Amino acid sequence: MNWGNPAMLRWLEAALLMGILFGAVQFQKRRALEQFASRARLGAMTSGVSHVKRWLRFLLFLAALALVIVGLAEPQSAGVPVEVQHHGVDIVIAVDVSDSMLAQDIRPSRLEKAKLELQDLVETSRGDRIGVVAFAGEAYTQVPLTLDRGAVKLFLKAVSPESIPVPGTAIGNAIRASMALFDSQFKGEKVVLLLTDGEDHGSDPLGAAQQAAQSGVRIYTIGFGSPEGEVIPMKSGNDRVQFKKDLTGNVVLSKLDEKTLVEVARITGGIYFRSAKGLLNVEKIYQSILSLEKQKTGTGTILQYDPYYQTPVFLAVILILLGTIMSDSKRETRR
């Protein structure tokens, strides 16, 4: 027997505790009444009430409650392996992990907010192969294209400025590294989700976008940050927060470069999205991807289960009906 929602079975302990409490209350009531009347007189006073029926009604209710809990736990048959085909789009998520993404004009930071939002985006995807590229001054593959969403989410949580040892921001390199993950034999749509504040340090992002367009790769750019700019917090050796400075000692302001991101998206036939206050419109982004033509991305095996929750729920209803029509009173015998 398998369970779709085994956590619900813990409530059976609560049902058992309820039965124990009911018994304790009845015992205490009986003890209290015996203090004011003898057993013989008490029996005469309660002669019209059947304690057996009262207990039976409660046990019926308790059994019905237990059956409802079992039904909510979703009992299932043993899983039968079924082969399914996955159809979708190849998506590479390119995440900027440079120091500028530590700016806190978006809380808790641009990077942390991007990672949180991407978890929802990955969870929303169905049948799409997803890869991950992290970039700063250089770009490195974190996850090759895969149908394993759990692995993708795990690596997305782990990326940080420490993931890339080369400082700076090389958007062009990120685009080229993302393109290298795509299979040239795949006939479906290829999409790069580029999350960055748009600042680039001489990696020719527009030239890389031209190459992507020629290869049939669409780039959806997502801008993080504010055009006004924000300081970049950097932790020192004594854990005190200081702000990043340039070579002349001036505090660096990291500004969102929307112009570059809009142009990269336009060249490749993609769309630019601005992350207002760090919130991605995940549904809107994924709906744009869903509108693209999907191809077979692979096959896999899933376990198909037959639900059995109907039986315990049906029995619970029967027990509740029996308890409803049952009376606590003793049946009188006529002479």
Protein backbone atom coordinates (compact mmCIF):
# COMPACT_ATOMS: atom_id res chain seq x y z
CA MET A 1 0.00 0.00 0.00
CA ASN A 2 1.28 3.44 -0.97
CA TRP A 3 0.16 6.79 0.39
CA GLY A 4 -0.15 10.00 -1.62
CA ASN A 5 -0.26 12.16 1.53
CA PRO A 6 1.21 10.06 4.36
CA ALA A 7 1.57 13.07 6.68
CA MET A 8 -2.21 12.90 7.29
CA LEU A 9 -1.80 9.55 9.07
CA ARG A 10 -0.33 11.41 12.05
CA TRP A 11 -3.84 12.62 12.82
CA LEU A 12 -4.77 9.03 13.74
CA GLU A 13 -2.87 9.65 16.96
CA ALA A 14 -5.16 12.62 17.64
CA ALA A 15 -8.21 10.40 17.04
CA LEU A 16 -6.85 7.82 19.50
CA LEU A 17 -6.20 10.57 22.07
CA MET A 18 -9.78 11.77 21.59
CA GLY A 19 -11.05 8.28 22.44
CA ILE A 20 -8.93 8.14 25.58
CA LEU A 21 -10.14 11.59 26.69
CA PHE A 22 -13.78 10.61 26.11
CA GLY A 23 -13.32 7.51 28.26
CA ALA A 24 -11.63 9.54 31.01
CA VAL A 25 -14.43 12.15 31.00
CA GLN A 26 -17.13 9.46 31.25
CA PHE A 27 -15.30 7.80 34.11
CA GLN A 28 -14.95 11.10 35.99
CA LYS A 29 -18.64 11.90 35.47
CA ARG A 30 -19.58 8.51 36.86
CA ARG A 31 -17.33 9.01 39.89
CA ALA A 32 -18.81 12.47 40.49
CA LEU A 33 -22.40 11.17 40.39
CA GLU A 34 -21.56 8.33 42.77
CA GLN A 35 -20.60 10.90 45.41
CA PHE A 36 -24.21 12.13 45.55
CA ALA A 37 -26.14 8.87 45.18
CA SER A 38 -25.75 5.19 45.88
CA ARG A 39 -25.13 2.80 43.02
CA ALA A 40 -28.68 1.44 43.28
CA ARG A 41 -30.28 4.89 43.24
CA LEU A 42 -27.92 6.06 40.49
CA GLY A 43 -28.94 3.08 38.40
CA ALA A 44 -32.60 4.01 38.86
CA MET A 45 -31.93 7.66 37.94
CA THR A 46 -30.21 6.69 34.70
CA SER A 47 -32.34 3.69 33.85
CA GLY A 48 -33.58 5.32 30.65
CA VAL A 49 -30.08 5.83 29.27
CA SER A 50 -28.04 3.05 27.66
CA HIS A 51 -24.37 3.58 28.41
CA VAL A 52 -23.55 0.81 25.95
CA LYS A 53 -25.31 2.67 23.14
CA ARG A 54 -23.63 5.92 24.13
CA TRP A 55 -20.22 4.26 23.90
CA LEU A 56 -21.19 2.54 20.66
CA ARG A 57 -22.23 5.86 19.08
CA PHE A 58 -18.95 7.43 20.09
CA LEU A 59 -16.95 4.47 18.76
CA LEU A 60 -18.83 4.73 15.45
CA PHE A 61 -17.93 8.43 15.26
CA LEU A 62 -14.31 7.67 16.17
CA ALA A 63 -14.06 4.94 13.54
CA ALA A 64 -15.61 7.28 10.93
CA LEU A 65 -13.07 9.98 11.81
CA ALA A 66 -10.22 7.48 11.45
CA LEU A 67 -11.53 6.36 8.05
CA VAL A 68 -11.77 9.97 6.84
CA ILE A 69 -8.15 10.52 7.91
CA VAL A 70 -7.12 7.38 6.02
CA GLY A 71 -8.97 8.68 2.95
CA LEU A 72 -7.23 12.06 3.19
CA ALA A 73 -3.89 10.20 3.33
CA GLU A 74 -4.72 9.05 -0.23
CA PRO A 75 -4.21 5.27 -0.17
CA GLN A 76 -2.99 4.03 -3.55
CA SER A 77 -2.15 0.82 -5.33
CA ALA A 78 1.42 -0.22 -5.98
CA GLY A 79 2.86 2.00 -8.75
CA VAL A 80 2.83 0.63 -12.28
CA PRO A 81 5.73 1.92 -14.47
CA VAL A 82 4.46 3.85 -17.50
CA GLU A 83 6.71 5.34 -20.17
CA VAL A 84 5.86 8.91 -21.15
CA GLN A 85 7.24 11.33 -23.71
CA HIS A 86 8.26 14.83 -22.67
CA HIS A 87 7.59 17.73 -25.03
CA GLY A 88 8.90 21.17 -24.35
CA VAL A 89 11.54 23.82 -24.97
CA ASP A 90 15.25 23.82 -24.17
CA ILE A 91 15.91 26.59 -21.62
CA VAL A 92 19.25 27.77 -20.25
CA ILE A 93 19.09 30.02 -17.20
CA ALA A 94 22.08 32.38 -17.13
CA VAL A 95 22.44 34.00 -13.70
CA ASP A 96 24.66 36.98 -12.98
CA VAL A 97 26.54 36.27 -9.72
CA SER A 98 28.91 39.24 -9.88
CA ASP A 99 29.42 41.49 -6.86
CA SER A 100 27.00 44.07 -8.27
CA MET A 101 24.16 41.54 -7.76
CA LEU A 102 24.76 41.87 -4.01
CA ALA A 103 23.26 45.37 -4.11
CA GLN A 104 20.24 45.65 -1.85
CA ASP A 105 17.94 47.96 -3.79
CA ILE A 106 15.98 44.68 -3.98
CA ARG A 107 15.71 42.82 -0.67
CA PRO A 108 17.45 40.77 0.56
CA SER A 109 19.69 41.35 -2.49
CA ARG A 110 19.34 41.27 -6.25
CA LEU A 111 20.93 37.83 -6.44
CA GLU A 112 19.02 36.20 -3.59
CA LYS A 113 15.71 37.51 -4.88
CA ALA A 114 16.52 36.26 -8.39
CA LYS A 115 17.29 32.80 -7.02
CA LEU A 116 14.04 32.68 -5.06
CA GLU A 117 11.97 33.68 -8.06
CA LEU A 118 13.74 31.17 -10.30
CA GLN A 119 12.71 28.34 -7.98
CA ASP A 120 9.08 29.11 -8.85
CA LEU A 121 9.89 29.36 -12.56
CA VAL A 122 11.60 25.95 -12.57
CA GLU A 123 8.71 24.41 -10.62
CA THR A 124 6.24 25.82 -13.15
CA SER A 125 8.01 24.24 -16.12
CA ARG A 126 6.74 20.92 -17.46
CA GLY A 127 8.57 18.83 -20.04
CA ASP A 128 11.25 21.47 -20.62
CA ARG A 129 14.93 20.64 -20.40
CA ILE A 130 16.67 23.24 -18.26
CA GLY A 131 20.35 24.08 -17.84
CA VAL A 132 22.11 26.63 -15.62
CA VAL A 133 25.05 28.94 -16.36
CA ALA A 134 26.52 31.21 -13.69
CA PHE A 135 28.61 34.17 -14.75
CA ALA A 136 30.59 37.11 -13.48
CA GLY A 137 33.83 38.04 -15.24
CA GLU A 138 33.65 34.58 -16.86
CA ALA A 139 30.83 32.10 -17.42
CA TYR A 140 30.70 28.46 -16.29
CA THR A 141 28.12 25.70 -16.73
CA GLN A 142 26.50 24.65 -13.45
CA VAL A 143 23.91 22.22 -14.82
CA PRO A 144 23.73 20.79 -18.38
CA LEU A 145 20.30 20.53 -20.01
CA THR A 146 18.21 18.10 -17.98
CA LEU A 147 14.62 17.15 -17.16
CA ASP A 148 15.59 16.81 -13.48
CA ARG A 149 14.02 19.92 -11.94
CA GLY A 150 15.24 18.91 -8.47
CA ALA A 151 18.88 19.12 -9.60
CA VAL A 152 18.29 22.47 -11.26
CA LYS A 153 16.70 23.95 -8.12
CA LEU A 154 19.51 22.57 -5.97
CA PHE A 155 22.25 24.23 -8.05
CA LEU A 156 20.31 27.48 -8.32
CA LYS A 157 20.21 27.69 -4.53
CA ALA A 158 23.97 27.16 -4.35
CA VAL A 159 25.20 29.77 -6.86
CA SER A 160 26.92 32.80 -5.33
CA PRO A 161 29.72 35.27 -6.15
CA GLU A 162 32.12 32.59 -4.84
CA SER A 163 30.99 30.29 -7.68
CA ILE A 164 32.96 32.36 -10.23
CA PRO A 165 36.52 33.34 -9.28
CA VAL A 166 36.86 35.98 -12.02
CA PRO A 167 35.43 39.42 -11.02
CA GLY A 168 33.45 41.64 -13.36
CA THR A 169 30.38 41.09 -15.52
CA ALA A 170 30.69 39.40 -18.93
CA ILE A 171 27.21 39.16 -20.44
CA GLY A 172 28.59 38.24 -23.86
CA ASN A 173 30.48 35.29 -22.37
CA ALA A 174 27.32 34.18 -20.56
CA ILE A 175 25.37 34.15 -23.84
CA ARG A 176 28.10 32.17 -25.62
CA ALA A 177 28.38 29.66 -22.74
CA SER A 178 24.60 29.23 -22.78
CA MET A 179 24.58 28.60 -26.53
CA ALA A 180 27.19 25.85 -26.09
CA LEU A 181 24.71 23.82 -24.01
CA PHE A 182 22.16 23.50 -26.81
CA ASP A 183 22.05 20.39 -28.98
CA SER A 184 22.37 21.37 -32.65
CA GLN A 185 20.20 18.34 -33.55
CA PHE A 186 17.31 19.55 -31.43
CA LYS A 187 14.65 21.02 -33.72
CA GLY A 188 12.61 22.76 -31.03
CA GLU A 189 12.90 26.27 -29.64
CA LYS A 190 16.02 27.23 -27.70
CA VAL A 191 15.68 29.93 -25.05
CA VAL A 192 18.14 31.70 -22.77
CA LEU A 193 16.79 33.39 -19.65
CA LEU A 194 19.40 36.03 -18.85
CA LEU A 195 19.12 37.49 -15.33
CA THR A 196 21.45 40.41 -14.71
CA ASP A 197 21.67 44.10 -13.85
CA GLY A 198 22.93 44.70 -17.38
CA GLU A 199 26.34 46.17 -16.56
CA ASP A 200 28.95 44.69 -18.89
CA HIS A 201 32.72 44.94 -18.91
CA GLY A 202 33.73 44.63 -22.56
CA SER A 203 32.38 41.17 -23.49
CA ASP A 204 30.39 42.42 -26.53
CA PRO A 205 26.88 41.27 -25.49
CA LEU A 206 25.29 42.63 -28.69
CA GLY A 207 27.74 40.67 -30.84
CA ALA A 208 26.95 37.53 -28.85
CA ALA A 209 23.25 38.26 -29.32
CA GLN A 210 23.78 38.40 -33.09
CA GLN A 211 25.42 34.96 -32.96
CA ALA A 212 22.52 33.63 -30.89
CA ALA A 213 19.99 34.98 -33.39
CA GLN A 214 21.83 33.27 -36.26
CA SER A 215 21.67 29.98 -34.31
CA GLY A 216 17.94 30.31 -33.66
CA VAL A 217 18.35 31.06 -29.95
CA ARG A 218 15.93 33.50 -28.31
CA ILE A 219 17.13 35.48 -25.32
CA TYR A 220 14.65 36.62 -22.69
CA THR A 221 16.41 39.26 -20.61
CA ILE A 222 15.36 40.05 -17.04
CA GLY A 223 16.77 43.21 -15.50
CA PHE A 224 17.46 43.41 -11.77
CA GLY A 225 18.18 46.67 -9.97
CA SER A 226 17.33 50.33 -10.43
CA PRO A 227 18.52 52.87 -13.03
CA GLU A 228 19.39 55.25 -10.17
CA GLY A 229 22.01 52.82 -8.87
CA GLU A 230 22.82 51.27 -5.51
CA VAL A 231 25.95 50.75 -3.43
CA ILE A 232 27.45 47.24 -3.27
CA PRO A 233 27.95 45.87 0.27
CA MET A 234 31.15 43.87 0.77
CA LYS A 235 32.06 42.00 3.95
CA SER A 236 35.52 42.66 5.36
CA GLY A 237 37.62 40.25 7.39
CA ASN A 238 36.06 41.33 10.71
CA ASP A 239 32.53 40.81 9.29
CA ARG A 240 31.92 44.55 9.12
CA VAL A 241 30.00 45.62 6.03
CA GLN A 242 31.81 48.05 3.77
CA PHE A 243 30.88 49.37 0.34
CA LYS A 244 32.76 48.55 -2.82
CA LYS A 245 35.01 51.34 -4.08
CA ASP A 246 36.79 51.99 -7.38
CA LEU A 247 40.55 52.49 -7.80
CA THR A 248 40.24 56.17 -6.89
CA GLY A 249 38.46 55.37 -3.60
CA ASN A 250 34.99 56.45 -4.66
CA VAL A 251 32.01 54.30 -3.68
CA VAL A 252 30.75 52.31 -6.69
CA LEU A 253 27.10 52.62 -7.70
CA SER A 254 25.68 49.64 -9.61
CA LYS A 255 23.02 50.78 -12.07
CA LEU A 256 20.55 48.76 -14.13
CA ASP A 257 21.49 49.03 -17.84
CA GLU A 258 18.12 48.44 -19.48
CA LYS A 259 19.24 49.70 -22.88
CA THR A 260 21.61 46.77 -23.42
CA LEU A 261 19.14 44.19 -22.15
CA VAL A 262 16.31 45.51 -24.32
CA GLU A 263 18.57 45.41 -27.39
CA VAL A 264 19.79 41.86 -26.68
CA ALA A 265 16.18 40.67 -26.45
CA ARG A 266 15.17 42.56 -29.61
CA ILE A 267 18.03 41.13 -31.71
CA THR A 268 17.14 37.54 -30.81
CA GLY A 269 13.35 37.84 -30.96
CA GLY A 270 13.04 37.54 -27.20
CA ILE A 271 11.37 39.77 -24.63
CA TYR A 272 12.75 42.07 -21.94
CA PHE A 273 11.24 41.94 -18.47
CA ARG A 274 12.05 44.30 -15.65
CA SER A 275 11.99 42.78 -12.19
CA ALA A 276 10.07 45.44 -10.30
CA LYS A 277 11.17 45.28 -6.67
CA GLY A 278 12.64 41.84 -7.35
CA LEU A 279 9.33 40.24 -8.28
CA LEU A 280 9.35 38.27 -11.49
CA ASN A 281 6.07 37.82 -13.28
CA VAL A 282 6.81 34.09 -13.46
CA GLU A 283 3.48 33.22 -15.05
CA LYS A 284 3.86 35.87 -17.77
CA ILE A 285 7.44 34.80 -18.57
CA TYR A 286 6.53 31.13 -18.77
CA GLN A 287 3.39 31.83 -20.81
CA SER A 288 5.63 33.57 -23.35
CA ILE A 289 7.79 30.45 -23.50
CA LEU A 290 4.73 28.18 -23.73
CA SER A 291 3.64 30.02 -26.87
CA LEU A 292 6.75 28.72 -28.64
CA GLU A 293 6.67 25.49 -30.63
CA LYS A 294 7.43 22.46 -28.47
CA GLN A 295 9.34 19.37 -29.53
CA LYS A 296 10.04 16.02 -27.94
CA THR A 297 12.70 16.59 -25.29
CA GLY A 298 13.02 13.00 -24.11
CA THR A 299 11.25 10.01 -22.63
CA GLY A 300 10.92 8.96 -19.04
CA THR A 301 9.18 6.49 -16.77
CA ILE A 302 6.62 7.50 -14.18
CA LEU A 303 4.75 5.38 -11.65
CA GLN A 304 1.00 5.39 -12.17
CA TYR A 305 -1.12 4.81 -9.07
CA ASP A 306 -4.79 3.83 -8.71
CA PRO A 307 -6.49 5.75 -5.85
CA TYR A 308 -8.35 3.85 -3.11
CA TYR A 309 -9.56 6.79 -1.00
CA GLN A 310 -13.20 6.20 -2.04
CA THR A 311 -13.56 3.04 0.08
CA PRO A 312 -12.63 4.46 3.51
CA VAL A 313 -14.61 7.66 2.87
CA PHE A 314 -17.71 5.62 1.86
CA LEU A 315 -17.42 3.47 4.99
CA ALA A 316 -17.05 6.63 7.10
CA VAL A 317 -20.32 8.00 5.70
CA ILE A 318 -22.10 4.72 6.55
CA LEU A 319 -20.81 4.80 10.13
CA ILE A 320 -21.84 8.44 10.58
CA LEU A 321 -25.38 7.62 9.36
CA LEU A 322 -25.59 4.67 11.75
CA GLY A 323 -24.48 6.86 14.64
CA THR A 324 -27.05 9.51 13.70
CA ILE A 325 -30.06 7.18 13.77
CA MET A 326 -28.95 5.42 16.95
CA SER A 327 -30.47 6.70 20.23
CA ASP A 328 -28.91 6.67 23.72
CA SER A 329 -32.20 5.67 25.33
CA LYS A 330 -33.08 2.11 26.32
CA ARG A 331 -35.92 0.47 24.50
CA GLU A 332 -38.90 0.06 26.79
CA THR A 333 -40.59 -3.33 26.93
CA ARG A 334 -44.41 -3.40 27.16
CA ARG A 335 -46.22 -5.80 29.47
